[in-house]
PDB file of N, CA and C in Angstrom:
ATOM      1  N   MET A   1     -42.798  17.332  -9.891  1.00  0.00           N
ATOM      2  CA  MET A   1     -42.448  15.950  -9.614  1.00  0.00           C
ATOM      3  C   MET A   1     -41.725  15.919  -8.264  1.00  0.00           C
ATOM      4  N   ASP A   2     -42.117  15.000  -7.376  1.00  0.00           N
ATOM      5  CA  ASP A   2     -41.527  14.847  -6.066  1.00  0.00           C
ATOM      6  C   ASP A   2     -40.231  14.077  -6.141  1.00  0.00           C
ATOM      7  N   SER A   3     -39.083  14.783  -5.908  1.00  0.00           N
ATOM      8  CA  SER A   3     -37.798  14.143  -6.060  1.00  0.00           C
ATOM      9  C   SER A   3     -37.472  13.052  -5.004  1.00  0.00           C
ATOM     10  N   SER A   4     -38.250  13.027  -3.930  1.00  0.00           N
ATOM     11  CA  SER A   4     -38.066  12.057  -2.884  1.00  0.00           C
ATOM     12  C   SER A   4     -38.585  10.617  -3.422  1.00  0.00           C
ATOM     13  N   LYS A   5     -39.380  10.651  -4.408  1.00  0.00           N
ATOM     14  CA  LYS A   5     -39.887   9.373  -4.950  1.00  0.00           C
ATOM     15  C   LYS A   5     -39.098   8.977  -6.164  1.00  0.00           C
ATOM     16  N   ALA A   6     -38.136   9.731  -6.590  1.00  0.00           N
ATOM     17  CA  ALA A   6     -37.303   9.326  -7.769  1.00  0.00           C
ATOM     18  C   ALA A   6     -36.407   8.177  -7.375  1.00  0.00           C
ATOM     19  N   THR A   7     -36.341   7.194  -8.260  1.00  0.00           N
ATOM     20  CA  THR A   7     -35.494   6.034  -8.013  1.00  0.00           C
ATOM     21  C   THR A   7     -34.461   5.902  -9.104  1.00  0.00           C
ATOM     22  N   THR A   8     -33.395   5.352  -8.757  1.00  0.00           N
ATOM     23  CA  THR A   8     -32.337   5.038  -9.751  1.00  0.00           C
ATOM     24  C   THR A   8     -32.732   3.805 -10.540  1.00  0.00           C
ATOM     25  N   PRO A   9     -32.721   3.909 -11.814  1.00  0.00           N
ATOM     26  CA  PRO A   9     -33.115   2.759 -12.602  1.00  0.00           C
ATOM     27  C   PRO A   9     -32.123   1.572 -12.379  1.00  0.00           C
ATOM     28  N   GLU A  10     -32.648   0.381 -12.426  1.00  0.00           N
ATOM     29  CA  GLU A  10     -31.789  -0.807 -12.295  1.00  0.00           C
ATOM     30  C   GLU A  10     -30.920  -0.924 -13.558  1.00  0.00           C
ATOM     31  N   PRO A  11     -29.687  -1.207 -13.322  1.00  0.00           N
ATOM     32  CA  PRO A  11     -28.800  -1.391 -14.513  1.00  0.00           C
ATOM     33  C   PRO A  11     -29.142  -2.618 -15.315  1.00  0.00           C
ATOM     34  N   GLU A  12     -28.939  -2.576 -16.576  1.00  0.00           N
ATOM     35  CA  GLU A  12     -29.205  -3.738 -17.477  1.00  0.00           C
ATOM     36  C   GLU A  12     -28.033  -4.702 -17.305  1.00  0.00           C
ATOM     37  N   ILE A  13     -28.316  -5.929 -16.875  1.00  0.00           N
ATOM     38  CA  ILE A  13     -27.334  -6.974 -16.700  1.00  0.00           C
ATOM     39  C   ILE A  13     -27.177  -7.708 -18.001  1.00  0.00           C
ATOM     40  N   LEU A  14     -25.984  -7.628 -18.551  1.00  0.00           N
ATOM     41  CA  LEU A  14     -25.674  -8.304 -19.834  1.00  0.00           C
ATOM     42  C   LEU A  14     -25.147  -9.762 -19.631  1.00  0.00           C
ATOM     43  N   ASP A  15     -24.497  -9.981 -18.494  1.00  0.00           N
ATOM     44  CA  ASP A  15     -23.960 -11.336 -18.186  1.00  0.00           C
ATOM     45  C   ASP A  15     -24.291 -11.722 -16.785  1.00  0.00           C
ATOM     46  N   PRO A  16     -25.520 -12.284 -16.578  1.00  0.00           N
ATOM     47  CA  PRO A  16     -25.951 -12.645 -15.223  1.00  0.00           C
ATOM     48  C   PRO A  16     -25.046 -13.627 -14.543  1.00  0.00           C
ATOM     49  N   GLU A  17     -24.469 -14.519 -15.325  1.00  0.00           N
ATOM     50  CA  GLU A  17     -23.522 -15.498 -14.752  1.00  0.00           C
ATOM     51  C   GLU A  17     -22.260 -14.844 -14.137  1.00  0.00           C
ATOM     52  N   ALA A  18     -21.726 -13.844 -14.860  1.00  0.00           N
ATOM     53  CA  ALA A  18     -20.566 -13.138 -14.380  1.00  0.00           C
ATOM     54  C   ALA A  18     -20.939 -12.326 -13.092  1.00  0.00           C
ATOM     55  N   VAL A  19     -22.133 -11.672 -13.076  1.00  0.00           N
ATOM     56  CA  VAL A  19     -22.571 -10.898 -11.957  1.00  0.00           C
ATOM     57  C   VAL A  19     -22.729 -11.872 -10.775  1.00  0.00           C
ATOM     58  N   ARG A  20     -23.304 -13.055 -10.983  1.00  0.00           N
ATOM     59  CA  ARG A  20     -23.502 -14.037  -9.876  1.00  0.00           C
ATOM     60  C   ARG A  20     -22.166 -14.475  -9.316  1.00  0.00           C
ATOM     61  N   ARG A  21     -21.177 -14.755 -10.176  1.00  0.00           N
ATOM     62  CA  ARG A  21     -19.842 -15.156  -9.710  1.00  0.00           C
ATOM     63  C   ARG A  21     -19.158 -14.112  -8.866  1.00  0.00           C
ATOM     64  N   VAL A  22     -19.269 -12.841  -9.267  1.00  0.00           N
ATOM     65  CA  VAL A  22     -18.635 -11.770  -8.503  1.00  0.00           C
ATOM     66  C   VAL A  22     -19.393 -11.584  -7.226  1.00  0.00           C
ATOM     67  N   ARG A  23     -20.663 -11.635  -7.189  1.00  0.00           N
ATOM     68  CA  ARG A  23     -21.480 -11.502  -5.969  1.00  0.00           C
ATOM     69  C   ARG A  23     -21.154 -12.649  -4.946  1.00  0.00           C
ATOM     70  N   GLU A  24     -20.716 -13.752  -5.420  1.00  0.00           N
ATOM     71  CA  GLU A  24     -20.352 -14.852  -4.520  1.00  0.00           C
ATOM     72  C   GLU A  24     -19.126 -14.575  -3.708  1.00  0.00           C
ATOM     73  N   HIS A  25     -18.363 -13.564  -4.096  1.00  0.00           N
ATOM     74  CA  HIS A  25     -17.060 -13.249  -3.448  1.00  0.00           C
ATOM     75  C   HIS A  25     -17.044 -11.778  -3.043  1.00  0.00           C
ATOM     76  N   PRO A  26     -17.872 -11.411  -2.078  1.00  0.00           N
ATOM     77  CA  PRO A  26     -17.914  -9.988  -1.675  1.00  0.00           C
ATOM     78  C   PRO A  26     -16.657  -9.699  -0.863  1.00  0.00           C
ATOM     79  N   ILE A  27     -16.326  -8.355  -0.870  1.00  0.00           N
ATOM     80  CA  ILE A  27     -15.147  -7.980  -0.051  1.00  0.00           C
ATOM     81  C   ILE A  27     -15.694  -7.205   1.126  1.00  0.00           C
ATOM     82  N   ASP A  28     -15.180  -7.462   2.281  1.00  0.00           N
ATOM     83  CA  ASP A  28     -15.587  -6.805   3.534  1.00  0.00           C
ATOM     84  C   ASP A  28     -15.260  -5.363   3.520  1.00  0.00           C
ATOM     85  N   ASP A  29     -16.111  -4.475   4.016  1.00  0.00           N
ATOM     86  CA  ASP A  29     -15.897  -3.013   4.058  1.00  0.00           C
ATOM     87  C   ASP A  29     -14.604  -2.612   4.757  1.00  0.00           C
ATOM     88  N   GLN A  30     -14.346  -3.337   5.885  1.00  0.00           N
ATOM     89  CA  GLN A  30     -13.101  -2.959   6.646  1.00  0.00           C
ATOM     90  C   GLN A  30     -11.879  -3.353   5.789  1.00  0.00           C
ATOM     91  N   LEU A  31     -11.851  -4.487   5.206  1.00  0.00           N
ATOM     92  CA  LEU A  31     -10.782  -4.942   4.258  1.00  0.00           C
ATOM     93  C   LEU A  31     -10.619  -3.972   3.072  1.00  0.00           C
ATOM     94  N   THR A  32     -11.743  -3.537   2.540  1.00  0.00           N
ATOM     95  CA  THR A  32     -11.728  -2.554   1.495  1.00  0.00           C
ATOM     96  C   THR A  32     -11.030  -1.301   1.851  1.00  0.00           C
ATOM     97  N   SER A  33     -11.337  -0.779   3.091  1.00  0.00           N
ATOM     98  CA  SER A  33     -10.668   0.440   3.591  1.00  0.00           C
ATOM     99  C   SER A  33      -9.209   0.194   3.816  1.00  0.00           C
ATOM    100  N   GLN A  34      -8.866  -0.909   4.427  1.00  0.00           N
ATOM    101  CA  GLN A  34      -7.440  -1.204   4.691  1.00  0.00           C
ATOM    102  C   GLN A  34      -6.616  -1.281   3.406  1.00  0.00           C
ATOM    103  N   LEU A  35      -7.175  -1.928   2.413  1.00  0.00           N
ATOM    104  CA  LEU A  35      -6.454  -2.081   1.113  1.00  0.00           C
ATOM    105  C   LEU A  35      -6.316  -0.757   0.451  1.00  0.00           C
ATOM    106  N   ALA A  36      -7.351   0.097   0.527  1.00  0.00           N
ATOM    107  CA  ALA A  36      -7.262   1.456  -0.025  1.00  0.00           C
ATOM    108  C   ALA A  36      -6.202   2.270   0.640  1.00  0.00           C
ATOM    109  N   GLU A  37      -6.039   2.137   2.017  1.00  0.00           N
ATOM    110  CA  GLU A  37      -5.018   2.837   2.712  1.00  0.00           C
ATOM    111  C   GLU A  37      -3.598   2.425   2.275  1.00  0.00           C
ATOM    112  N   ILE A  38      -3.405   1.148   2.059  1.00  0.00           N
ATOM    113  CA  ILE A  38      -2.123   0.656   1.575  1.00  0.00           C
ATOM    114  C   ILE A  38      -1.822   1.282   0.182  1.00  0.00           C
ATOM    115  N   PHE A  39      -2.775   1.248  -0.699  1.00  0.00           N
ATOM    116  CA  PHE A  39      -2.496   1.800  -1.998  1.00  0.00           C
ATOM    117  C   PHE A  39      -2.352   3.295  -1.952  1.00  0.00           C
ATOM    118  N   LYS A  40      -3.033   4.037  -1.042  1.00  0.00           N
ATOM    119  CA  LYS A  40      -2.788   5.436  -0.849  1.00  0.00           C
ATOM    120  C   LYS A  40      -1.354   5.646  -0.375  1.00  0.00           C
ATOM    121  N   ALA A  41      -0.855   4.836   0.508  1.00  0.00           N
ATOM    122  CA  ALA A  41       0.530   5.000   1.004  1.00  0.00           C
ATOM    123  C   ALA A  41       1.516   4.762  -0.130  1.00  0.00           C
ATOM    124  N   LEU A  42       1.204   3.841  -0.999  1.00  0.00           N
ATOM    125  CA  LEU A  42       2.075   3.591  -2.135  1.00  0.00           C
ATOM    126  C   LEU A  42       1.950   4.647  -3.258  1.00  0.00           C
ATOM    127  N   ALA A  43       0.968   5.541  -3.098  1.00  0.00           N
ATOM    128  CA  ALA A  43       0.743   6.559  -4.165  1.00  0.00           C
ATOM    129  C   ALA A  43       1.722   7.756  -3.989  1.00  0.00           C
ATOM    130  N   ASP A  44       2.531   7.746  -2.934  1.00  0.00           N
ATOM    131  CA  ASP A  44       3.389   8.842  -2.662  1.00  0.00           C
ATOM    132  C   ASP A  44       4.823   8.530  -3.230  1.00  0.00           C
ATOM    133  N   PRO A  45       5.406   9.333  -4.107  1.00  0.00           N
ATOM    134  CA  PRO A  45       6.738   9.004  -4.720  1.00  0.00           C
ATOM    135  C   PRO A  45       7.805   8.860  -3.634  1.00  0.00           C
ATOM    136  N   THR A  46       7.817   9.607  -2.572  1.00  0.00           N
ATOM    137  CA  THR A  46       8.806   9.472  -1.550  1.00  0.00           C
ATOM    138  C   THR A  46       8.727   8.082  -0.895  1.00  0.00           C
ATOM    139  N   ARG A  47       7.491   7.626  -0.608  1.00  0.00           N
ATOM    140  CA  ARG A  47       7.337   6.338  -0.006  1.00  0.00           C
ATOM    141  C   ARG A  47       7.706   5.195  -0.939  1.00  0.00           C
ATOM    142  N   VAL A  48       7.396   5.434  -2.213  1.00  0.00           N
ATOM    143  CA  VAL A  48       7.811   4.425  -3.240  1.00  0.00           C
ATOM    144  C   VAL A  48       9.336   4.301  -3.247  1.00  0.00           C
ATOM    145  N   ARG A  49      10.037   5.422  -3.218  1.00  0.00           N
ATOM    146  CA  ARG A  49      11.519   5.351  -3.158  1.00  0.00           C
ATOM    147  C   ARG A  49      12.049   4.664  -1.918  1.00  0.00           C
ATOM    148  N   MET A  50      11.343   4.906  -0.744  1.00  0.00           N
ATOM    149  CA  MET A  50      11.686   4.203   0.463  1.00  0.00           C
ATOM    150  C   MET A  50      11.536   2.751   0.355  1.00  0.00           C
ATOM    151  N   LEU A  51      10.403   2.304  -0.144  1.00  0.00           N
ATOM    152  CA  LEU A  51      10.145   0.860  -0.298  1.00  0.00           C
ATOM    153  C   LEU A  51      11.121   0.222  -1.270  1.00  0.00           C
ATOM    154  N   HIS A  52      11.451   0.927  -2.312  1.00  0.00           N
ATOM    155  CA  HIS A  52      12.466   0.428  -3.285  1.00  0.00           C
ATOM    156  C   HIS A  52      13.762   0.218  -2.607  1.00  0.00           C
ATOM    157  N   ALA A  53      14.170   1.157  -1.768  1.00  0.00           N
ATOM    158  CA  ALA A  53      15.432   0.998  -1.044  1.00  0.00           C
ATOM    159  C   ALA A  53      15.360  -0.175  -0.080  1.00  0.00           C
ATOM    160  N   LEU A  54      14.197  -0.295   0.611  1.00  0.00           N
ATOM    161  CA  LEU A  54      14.050  -1.369   1.586  1.00  0.00           C
ATOM    162  C   LEU A  54      13.831  -2.721   0.947  1.00  0.00           C
ATOM    163  N   LEU A  55      13.535  -2.718  -0.297  1.00  0.00           N
ATOM    164  CA  LEU A  55      13.450  -4.029  -1.099  1.00  0.00           C
ATOM    165  C   LEU A  55      14.854  -4.619  -1.254  1.00  0.00           C
ATOM    166  N   HIS A  56      15.820  -3.700  -1.289  1.00  0.00           N
ATOM    167  CA  HIS A  56      17.183  -4.173  -1.504  1.00  0.00           C
ATOM    168  C   HIS A  56      18.079  -4.316  -0.304  1.00  0.00           C
ATOM    169  N   ALA A  57      17.660  -3.651   0.802  1.00  0.00           N
ATOM    170  CA  ALA A  57      18.478  -3.744   2.034  1.00  0.00           C
ATOM    171  C   ALA A  57      17.683  -3.333   3.234  1.00  0.00           C
ATOM    172  N   GLU A  58      17.972  -3.899   4.354  1.00  0.00           N
ATOM    173  CA  GLU A  58      17.478  -3.453   5.684  1.00  0.00           C
ATOM    174  C   GLU A  58      18.315  -2.244   6.069  1.00  0.00           C
ATOM    175  N   LEU A  59      17.654  -1.130   6.403  1.00  0.00           N
ATOM    176  CA  LEU A  59      18.331   0.138   6.686  1.00  0.00           C
ATOM    177  C   LEU A  59      17.814   0.778   7.940  1.00  0.00           C
ATOM    178  N   CYS A  60      18.757   1.473   8.570  1.00  0.00           N
ATOM    179  CA  CYS A  60      18.337   2.310   9.722  1.00  0.00           C
ATOM    180  C   CYS A  60      17.913   3.671   9.186  1.00  0.00           C
ATOM    181  N   VAL A  61      17.311   4.512  10.004  1.00  0.00           N
ATOM    182  CA  VAL A  61      16.742   5.778   9.573  1.00  0.00           C
ATOM    183  C   VAL A  61      17.808   6.669   8.894  1.00  0.00           C
ATOM    184  N   GLY A  62      18.962   6.712   9.594  1.00  0.00           N
ATOM    185  CA  GLY A  62      20.072   7.567   9.017  1.00  0.00           C
ATOM    186  C   GLY A  62      20.546   7.077   7.634  1.00  0.00           C
ATOM    187  N   ASP A  63      20.673   5.755   7.456  1.00  0.00           N
ATOM    188  CA  ASP A  63      21.138   5.278   6.172  1.00  0.00           C
ATOM    189  C   ASP A  63      20.047   5.479   5.099  1.00  0.00           C
ATOM    190  N   LEU A  64      18.759   5.315   5.514  1.00  0.00           N
ATOM    191  CA  LEU A  64      17.687   5.488   4.532  1.00  0.00           C
ATOM    192  C   LEU A  64      17.602   6.995   4.181  1.00  0.00           C
ATOM    193  N   ALA A  65      17.819   7.882   5.159  1.00  0.00           N
ATOM    194  CA  ALA A  65      17.868   9.315   4.874  1.00  0.00           C
ATOM    195  C   ALA A  65      18.957   9.669   3.936  1.00  0.00           C
ATOM    196  N   ALA A  66      20.157   8.994   4.047  1.00  0.00           N
ATOM    197  CA  ALA A  66      21.298   9.259   3.160  1.00  0.00           C
ATOM    198  C   ALA A  66      20.957   8.796   1.765  1.00  0.00           C
ATOM    199  N   VAL A  67      20.340   7.617   1.669  1.00  0.00           N
ATOM    200  CA  VAL A  67      19.990   7.081   0.354  1.00  0.00           C
ATOM    201  C   VAL A  67      19.000   7.970  -0.363  1.00  0.00           C
ATOM    202  N   LEU A  68      18.003   8.447   0.388  1.00  0.00           N
ATOM    203  CA  LEU A  68      16.941   9.232  -0.256  1.00  0.00           C
ATOM    204  C   LEU A  68      17.247  10.739  -0.270  1.00  0.00           C
ATOM    205  N   GLU A  69      18.404  11.139   0.337  1.00  0.00           N
ATOM    206  CA  GLU A  69      18.740  12.535   0.445  1.00  0.00           C
ATOM    207  C   GLU A  69      17.628  13.362   1.039  1.00  0.00           C
ATOM    208  N   MET A  70      17.185  12.884   2.228  1.00  0.00           N
ATOM    209  CA  MET A  70      16.126  13.511   3.018  1.00  0.00           C
ATOM    210  C   MET A  70      16.679  13.627   4.441  1.00  0.00           C
ATOM    211  N   SER A  71      15.913  14.428   5.200  1.00  0.00           N
ATOM    212  CA  SER A  71      16.207  14.525   6.656  1.00  0.00           C
ATOM    213  C   SER A  71      15.744  13.293   7.381  1.00  0.00           C
ATOM    214  N   GLU A  72      16.428  12.961   8.460  1.00  0.00           N
ATOM    215  CA  GLU A  72      16.035  11.797   9.307  1.00  0.00           C
ATOM    216  C   GLU A  72      14.615  11.997   9.817  1.00  0.00           C
ATOM    217  N   SER A  73      14.239  13.237  10.155  1.00  0.00           N
ATOM    218  CA  SER A  73      12.923  13.548  10.624  1.00  0.00           C
ATOM    219  C   SER A  73      11.847  13.186   9.655  1.00  0.00           C
ATOM    220  N   ALA A  74      12.094  13.562   8.363  1.00  0.00           N
ATOM    221  CA  ALA A  74      11.112  13.309   7.278  1.00  0.00           C
ATOM    222  C   ALA A  74      10.990  11.804   7.034  1.00  0.00           C
ATOM    223  N   VAL A  75      12.135  11.135   7.069  1.00  0.00           N
ATOM    224  CA  VAL A  75      12.147   9.644   6.893  1.00  0.00           C
ATOM    225  C   VAL A  75      11.370   8.981   8.027  1.00  0.00           C
ATOM    226  N   SER A  76      11.628   9.395   9.235  1.00  0.00           N
ATOM    227  CA  SER A  76      10.943   8.812  10.413  1.00  0.00           C
ATOM    228  C   SER A  76       9.424   9.037  10.299  1.00  0.00           C
ATOM    229  N   HIS A  77       9.034  10.184   9.875  1.00  0.00           N
ATOM    230  CA  HIS A  77       7.583  10.473   9.718  1.00  0.00           C
ATOM    231  C   HIS A  77       6.950   9.492   8.730  1.00  0.00           C
ATOM    232  N   GLN A  78       7.633   9.259   7.558  1.00  0.00           N
ATOM    233  CA  GLN A  78       7.094   8.336   6.583  1.00  0.00           C
ATOM    234  C   GLN A  78       7.070   6.896   7.106  1.00  0.00           C
ATOM    235  N   LEU A  79       8.117   6.558   7.773  1.00  0.00           N
ATOM    236  CA  LEU A  79       8.271   5.182   8.321  1.00  0.00           C
ATOM    237  C   LEU A  79       7.115   4.911   9.353  1.00  0.00           C
ATOM    238  N   ARG A  80       6.739   5.918  10.139  1.00  0.00           N
ATOM    239  CA  ARG A  80       5.622   5.683  11.112  1.00  0.00           C
ATOM    240  C   ARG A  80       4.401   5.344  10.414  1.00  0.00           C
ATOM    241  N   LEU A  81       4.079   6.055   9.288  1.00  0.00           N
ATOM    242  CA  LEU A  81       2.887   5.726   8.493  1.00  0.00           C
ATOM    243  C   LEU A  81       2.963   4.358   7.957  1.00  0.00           C
ATOM    244  N   LEU A  82       4.128   4.015   7.322  1.00  0.00           N
ATOM    245  CA  LEU A  82       4.256   2.680   6.731  1.00  0.00           C
ATOM    246  C   LEU A  82       4.200   1.553   7.749  1.00  0.00           C
ATOM    247  N   ARG A  83       4.727   1.792   8.929  1.00  0.00           N
ATOM    248  CA  ARG A  83       4.614   0.820  10.008  1.00  0.00           C
ATOM    249  C   ARG A  83       3.162   0.642  10.434  1.00  0.00           C
ATOM    250  N   SER A  84       2.428   1.712  10.543  1.00  0.00           N
ATOM    251  CA  SER A  84       1.044   1.611  11.022  1.00  0.00           C
ATOM    252  C   SER A  84       0.155   0.799  10.030  1.00  0.00           C
ATOM    253  N   LEU A  85       0.585   0.816   8.753  1.00  0.00           N
ATOM    254  CA  LEU A  85      -0.141   0.049   7.698  1.00  0.00           C
ATOM    255  C   LEU A  85       0.452  -1.359   7.530  1.00  0.00           C
ATOM    256  N   ARG A  86       1.466  -1.692   8.302  1.00  0.00           N
ATOM    257  CA  ARG A  86       2.167  -2.992   8.232  1.00  0.00           C
ATOM    258  C   ARG A  86       2.788  -3.184   6.851  1.00  0.00           C
ATOM    259  N   VAL A  87       3.330  -2.065   6.303  1.00  0.00           N
ATOM    260  CA  VAL A  87       4.064  -2.190   5.027  1.00  0.00           C
ATOM    261  C   VAL A  87       5.553  -2.368   5.329  1.00  0.00           C
ATOM    262  N   VAL A  88       6.038  -1.813   6.375  1.00  0.00           N
ATOM    263  CA  VAL A  88       7.422  -1.955   6.872  1.00  0.00           C
ATOM    264  C   VAL A  88       7.378  -2.410   8.364  1.00  0.00           C
ATOM    265  N   ARG A  89       8.497  -3.023   8.782  1.00  0.00           N
ATOM    266  CA  ARG A  89       8.597  -3.385  10.175  1.00  0.00           C
ATOM    267  C   ARG A  89       9.992  -2.960  10.627  1.00  0.00           C
ATOM    268  N   ALA A  90      10.104  -2.935  11.965  1.00  0.00           N
ATOM    269  CA  ALA A  90      11.351  -2.448  12.594  1.00  0.00           C
ATOM    270  C   ALA A  90      11.972  -3.602  13.414  1.00  0.00           C
ATOM    271  N   ARG A  91      13.305  -3.546  13.469  1.00  0.00           N
ATOM    272  CA  ARG A  91      14.039  -4.470  14.289  1.00  0.00           C
ATOM    273  C   ARG A  91      15.067  -3.673  15.074  1.00  0.00           C
ATOM    274  N   ARG A  92      15.080  -3.846  16.344  1.00  0.00           N
ATOM    275  CA  ARG A  92      16.053  -3.086  17.211  1.00  0.00           C
ATOM    276  C   ARG A  92      17.297  -3.923  17.380  1.00  0.00           C
ATOM    277  N   ASP A  93      18.460  -3.256  17.247  1.00  0.00           N
ATOM    278  CA  ASP A  93      19.752  -3.847  17.495  1.00  0.00           C
ATOM    279  C   ASP A  93      20.512  -2.875  18.382  1.00  0.00           C
ATOM    280  N   GLY A  94      20.459  -3.083  19.678  1.00  0.00           N
ATOM    281  CA  GLY A  94      21.053  -2.059  20.586  1.00  0.00           C
ATOM    282  C   GLY A  94      20.292  -0.837  20.539  1.00  0.00           C
ATOM    283  N   LYS A  95      20.992   0.286  20.215  1.00  0.00           N
ATOM    284  CA  LYS A  95      20.286   1.600  20.128  1.00  0.00           C
ATOM    285  C   LYS A  95      19.754   1.843  18.751  1.00  0.00           C
ATOM    286  N   GLN A  96      20.177   1.046  17.797  1.00  0.00           N
ATOM    287  CA  GLN A  96      19.816   1.263  16.414  1.00  0.00           C
ATOM    288  C   GLN A  96      18.558   0.495  16.045  1.00  0.00           C
ATOM    289  N   VAL A  97      17.713   1.115  15.240  1.00  0.00           N
ATOM    290  CA  VAL A  97      16.498   0.477  14.736  1.00  0.00           C
ATOM    291  C   VAL A  97      16.613   0.363  13.232  1.00  0.00           C
ATOM    292  N   TYR A  98      16.422  -0.919  12.730  1.00  0.00           N
ATOM    293  CA  TYR A  98      16.551  -1.145  11.309  1.00  0.00           C
ATOM    294  C   TYR A  98      15.147  -1.439  10.722  1.00  0.00           C
ATOM    295  N   TYR A  99      14.957  -1.024   9.534  1.00  0.00           N
ATOM    296  CA  TYR A  99      13.641  -1.167   8.860  1.00  0.00           C
ATOM    297  C   TYR A  99      13.861  -2.082   7.636  1.00  0.00           C
ATOM    298  N   THR A 100      12.748  -2.826   7.389  1.00  0.00           N
ATOM    299  CA  THR A 100      12.656  -3.651   6.197  1.00  0.00           C
ATOM    300  C   THR A 100      11.182  -3.793   5.784  1.00  0.00           C
ATOM    301  N   LEU A 101      10.950  -4.307   4.612  1.00  0.00           N
ATOM    302  CA  LEU A 101       9.594  -4.496   4.157  1.00  0.00           C
ATOM    303  C   LEU A 101       8.954  -5.535   5.148  1.00  0.00           C
ATOM    304  N   ASP A 102       7.665  -5.373   5.444  1.00  0.00           N
ATOM    305  CA  ASP A 102       7.051  -6.184   6.504  1.00  0.00           C
ATOM    306  C   ASP A 102       7.151  -7.627   6.230  1.00  0.00           C
ATOM    307  N   ASP A 103       6.856  -8.069   4.981  1.00  0.00           N
ATOM    308  CA  ASP A 103       6.925  -9.473   4.673  1.00  0.00           C
ATOM    309  C   ASP A 103       7.051  -9.686   3.200  1.00  0.00           C
ATOM    310  N   GLU A 104       7.031 -10.936   2.791  1.00  0.00           N
ATOM    311  CA  GLU A 104       7.185 -11.285   1.364  1.00  0.00           C
ATOM    312  C   GLU A 104       6.022 -10.756   0.541  1.00  0.00           C
ATOM    313  N   HIS A 105       4.838 -10.636   1.125  1.00  0.00           N
ATOM    314  CA  HIS A 105       3.686 -10.165   0.373  1.00  0.00           C
ATOM    315  C   HIS A 105       3.905  -8.682  -0.072  1.00  0.00           C
ATOM    316  N   VAL A 106       4.423  -7.875   0.792  1.00  0.00           N
ATOM    317  CA  VAL A 106       4.719  -6.444   0.441  1.00  0.00           C
ATOM    318  C   VAL A 106       5.793  -6.407  -0.673  1.00  0.00           C
ATOM    319  N   ALA A 107       6.868  -7.237  -0.492  1.00  0.00           N
ATOM    320  CA  ALA A 107       7.847  -7.293  -1.507  1.00  0.00           C
ATOM    321  C   ALA A 107       7.336  -7.729  -2.817  1.00  0.00           C
ATOM    322  N   ARG A 108       6.472  -8.730  -2.855  1.00  0.00           N
ATOM    323  CA  ARG A 108       5.867  -9.211  -4.119  1.00  0.00           C
ATOM    324  C   ARG A 108       4.988  -8.177  -4.739  1.00  0.00           C
ATOM    325  N   LEU A 109       4.155  -7.477  -3.921  1.00  0.00           N
ATOM    326  CA  LEU A 109       3.286  -6.434  -4.429  1.00  0.00           C
ATOM    327  C   LEU A 109       4.151  -5.381  -5.085  1.00  0.00           C
ATOM    328  N   PHE A 110       5.173  -4.994  -4.461  1.00  0.00           N
ATOM    329  CA  PHE A 110       6.063  -3.921  -5.009  1.00  0.00           C
ATOM    330  C   PHE A 110       6.713  -4.444  -6.312  1.00  0.00           C
ATOM    331  N   GLN A 111       7.238  -5.638  -6.311  1.00  0.00           N
ATOM    332  CA  GLN A 111       7.971  -6.196  -7.488  1.00  0.00           C
ATOM    333  C   GLN A 111       7.011  -6.371  -8.648  1.00  0.00           C
ATOM    334  N   ILE A 112       5.792  -6.912  -8.338  1.00  0.00           N
ATOM    335  CA  ILE A 112       4.769  -7.048  -9.410  1.00  0.00           C
ATOM    336  C   ILE A 112       4.409  -5.729 -10.016  1.00  0.00           C
ATOM    337  N   SER A 113       4.337  -4.698  -9.183  1.00  0.00           N
ATOM    338  CA  SER A 113       3.985  -3.370  -9.719  1.00  0.00           C
ATOM    339  C   SER A 113       5.100  -2.872 -10.624  1.00  0.00           C
ATOM    340  N   LEU A 114       6.342  -3.060 -10.225  1.00  0.00           N
ATOM    341  CA  LEU A 114       7.484  -2.682 -11.105  1.00  0.00           C
ATOM    342  C   LEU A 114       7.443  -3.438 -12.418  1.00  0.00           C
ATOM    343  N   GLU A 115       7.208  -4.751 -12.321  1.00  0.00           N
ATOM    344  CA  GLU A 115       7.136  -5.610 -13.537  1.00  0.00           C
ATOM    345  C   GLU A 115       5.991  -5.109 -14.446  1.00  0.00           C
ATOM    346  N   HIS A 116       4.878  -4.781 -13.858  1.00  0.00           N
ATOM    347  CA  HIS A 116       3.744  -4.287 -14.643  1.00  0.00           C
ATOM    348  C   HIS A 116       4.141  -3.061 -15.455  1.00  0.00           C
ATOM    349  N   LEU A 117       4.971  -2.261 -14.838  1.00  0.00           N
ATOM    350  CA  LEU A 117       5.423  -0.990 -15.502  1.00  0.00           C
ATOM    351  C   LEU A 117       6.612  -1.262 -16.424  1.00  0.00           C
ATOM    352  N   GLY A 118       7.153  -2.449 -16.437  1.00  0.00           N
ATOM    353  CA  GLY A 118       8.253  -2.746 -17.306  1.00  0.00           C
ATOM    354  C   GLY A 118       9.646  -2.380 -16.755  1.00  0.00           C
ATOM    355  N   HIS A 119       9.748  -2.309 -15.438  1.00  0.00           N
ATOM    356  CA  HIS A 119      11.038  -2.030 -14.807  1.00  0.00           C
ATOM    357  C   HIS A 119      11.555  -3.201 -14.007  1.00  0.00           C
ATOM    358  N   GLU A 120      12.800  -3.303 -13.963  1.00  0.00           N
ATOM    359  CA  GLU A 120      13.468  -4.400 -13.139  1.00  0.00           C
ATOM    360  C   GLU A 120      12.889  -5.726 -13.488  1.00  0.00           C
TER     361      GLU A 120
END
């Protein structure tokens, strides 16, 4: 049998109306990738602890490092990733840079996740 001619059988559709409704709302490939990157960032326990801290207060790297009991270098490394994904943002005050969650959407996403798990 020639495997190049083998085809994947069509799936049996049990609810054509539901399939139609979903197909009316496709998600863009770039948006899919961006969303996956945000969820990957949130999949790291250290970054979750960082976001939890930033949910409660705007913090500089040193203060965040103290809260998390980590080195400032390790905290800065994680913050760079979170900034690139627009999960956190920075605000300069003189020589000091303060970090907070990027916007209310990030805060809500984090809070909803906690509620889903039955915390806070």
